[in-house]
Each structure stands twice: as C-alpha cells, then as structure tokens.
Amino acid sequence: MDKKIESGYCYLKAFEVTHNDPLSADRLKERSKIKVFNSSDTTAKFEMTAREGYSAEGIFTIYEGDWDKPYAARFEVWFVPDNGGKERKLIEKNFKIEGWQR
C-alpha cells in the first residue's frame, strides 16, 4: 500500500462519540490547520510554523463541555492537497477530553 502524500494541509474535525455531534466546528479547522510539504514525493514532512493561514503552534481548544466532566470525542485528521484534488480523511482516534469552561 502506497503511503506517500502530496503537499497540502491537514486539519482536525472532532465529534462527541455517543451522538456524533460536531465539536467546535466553527473554528477547529482554522485553529488546527498545519502545512504538509513533500518536495521529493518520497517522504512527508509536517510543519508546525507560523505561516499565514496556518496555526502558529497547532494549538486548538474544544469549547463544548466543562472541566472535570470528561467525555468521549473522536478526532479525525483530514488532508487537503495543494493540487486541487479531493480532500480525504487520513485517520481517526477516540480520546477522553474535557471542554473549556470560561
């Protein structure tokens, strides 16, 4: 199976597991976006840099929920190629998280 990936960017989608409700959907894509650069078409390099349109440090917050009240969330990593190809899901994983309480 070919695991090469072209240049583009990755971002996160998150969902509450039991009801499949999107989490922080209005801002998560922009806050989690990272550039993927692959100049040789043989390796993939993920950069966490402060480029225009990309997260400076890859830091993001899930706002739904409260501190000390953990719940299950599914995080998906999505890839959008620079060549205009179709975006695709690369991987997903469930985590126990707590929301941000203001």
Protein backbone atom coordinates (compact mmCIF):
# COMPACT_ATOMS: atom_id res chain seq x y z
CA MET A 1 0.00 0.00 0.00
CA ASP A 2 1.39 3.38 -1.02
CA LYS A 3 1.59 5.76 1.93
CA LYS A 4 3.03 8.76 0.08
CA ILE A 5 1.22 12.06 0.49
CA GLU A 6 1.47 15.13 -1.69
CA SER A 7 1.89 18.70 -0.45
CA GLY A 8 -1.15 20.37 1.09
CA TYR A 9 -2.52 20.88 4.57
CA CYS A 10 -4.10 18.81 7.33
CA TYR A 11 -6.74 19.86 9.81
CA LEU A 12 -8.88 18.30 12.53
CA LYS A 13 -12.55 17.52 12.83
CA ALA A 14 -13.92 16.46 16.23
CA PHE A 15 -17.18 14.79 17.24
CA GLU A 16 -18.83 13.78 20.52
CA VAL A 17 -18.90 9.99 20.27
CA THR A 18 -22.36 9.00 21.53
CA HIS A 19 -24.40 11.45 19.41
CA ASN A 20 -21.81 12.24 16.71
CA ASP A 21 -22.25 15.96 17.36
CA PRO A 22 -19.53 18.16 15.81
CA LEU A 23 -17.27 19.87 18.35
CA SER A 24 -16.04 23.46 17.93
CA ALA A 25 -16.85 23.13 14.23
CA ASP A 26 -16.92 26.89 13.63
CA ARG A 27 -13.21 27.31 14.47
CA LEU A 28 -11.45 23.94 14.75
CA LYS A 29 -10.44 23.69 11.09
CA GLU A 30 -8.60 27.01 11.07
CA ARG A 31 -7.09 26.55 14.54
CA SER A 32 -5.71 23.07 13.82
CA LYS A 33 -4.52 23.59 10.24
CA ILE A 34 -0.91 22.57 9.53
CA LYS A 35 1.04 22.65 6.26
CA VAL A 36 2.29 19.39 4.77
CA PHE A 37 5.28 19.73 2.47
CA ASN A 38 6.61 16.91 0.30
CA SER A 39 9.16 18.09 -2.25
CA SER A 40 10.61 14.69 -3.22
CA ASP A 41 7.36 12.66 -3.33
CA THR A 42 9.02 10.03 -1.14
CA THR A 43 8.63 11.34 2.41
CA ALA A 44 6.13 13.50 4.24
CA LYS A 45 7.09 16.40 6.49
CA PHE A 46 4.60 18.04 8.84
CA GLU A 47 5.48 21.60 9.82
CA MET A 48 4.04 23.49 12.77
CA THR A 49 5.03 27.02 11.75
CA ALA A 50 3.56 30.48 11.87
CA ARG A 51 2.58 30.85 8.22
CA GLU A 52 -0.29 32.98 7.08
CA GLY A 53 -3.48 30.96 7.20
CA TYR A 54 -1.99 28.24 9.39
CA SER A 55 -1.95 27.73 13.14
CA ALA A 56 1.17 29.24 14.71
CA GLU A 57 1.64 26.40 17.17
CA GLY A 58 -1.02 23.85 16.30
CA ILE A 59 -2.90 24.81 19.45
CA PHE A 60 -6.66 24.45 19.47
CA THR A 61 -9.44 24.31 22.07
CA ILE A 62 -12.63 22.27 22.26
CA TYR A 63 -15.20 24.55 23.91
CA GLU A 64 -18.09 22.13 24.43
CA GLY A 65 -18.27 20.61 27.91
CA ASP A 66 -16.89 21.57 31.32
CA TRP A 67 -13.71 20.97 33.28
CA ASP A 68 -13.80 17.84 35.45
CA LYS A 69 -16.59 16.33 33.31
CA PRO A 70 -14.78 14.19 30.75
CA TYR A 71 -16.49 12.65 27.74
CA ALA A 72 -15.51 10.66 24.65
CA ALA A 73 -14.60 12.53 21.47
CA ARG A 74 -13.50 11.27 18.06
CA PHE A 75 -10.79 13.26 16.32
CA GLU A 76 -10.30 12.91 12.58
CA VAL A 77 -7.29 14.14 10.61
CA TRP A 78 -8.28 15.44 7.17
CA PHE A 79 -5.95 16.27 4.28
CA VAL A 80 -6.48 18.85 1.52
CA PRO A 81 -3.96 18.61 -1.36
CA ASP A 82 -2.47 21.75 -2.91
CA ASN A 83 -3.11 20.34 -6.39
CA GLY A 84 -6.87 20.83 -6.06
CA GLY A 85 -7.59 17.14 -5.51
CA LYS A 86 -10.37 15.91 -3.26
CA GLU A 87 -9.87 16.26 0.49
CA ARG A 88 -9.72 12.97 2.37
CA LYS A 89 -9.73 11.57 5.88
CA LEU A 90 -6.37 10.10 6.88
CA ILE A 91 -7.04 8.71 10.34
CA GLU A 92 -9.40 8.90 13.31
CA LYS A 93 -8.96 8.17 17.00
CA ASN A 94 -11.13 8.45 20.11
CA PHE A 95 -9.97 10.36 23.19
CA LYS A 96 -11.35 11.22 26.61
CA ILE A 97 -11.49 15.02 26.77
CA GLU A 98 -12.86 17.88 28.86
CA GLY A 99 -14.32 21.04 27.41
CA TRP A 100 -13.17 24.59 28.03
CA GLN A 101 -15.01 26.41 30.77
CA ARG A 102 -14.95 30.20 30.64
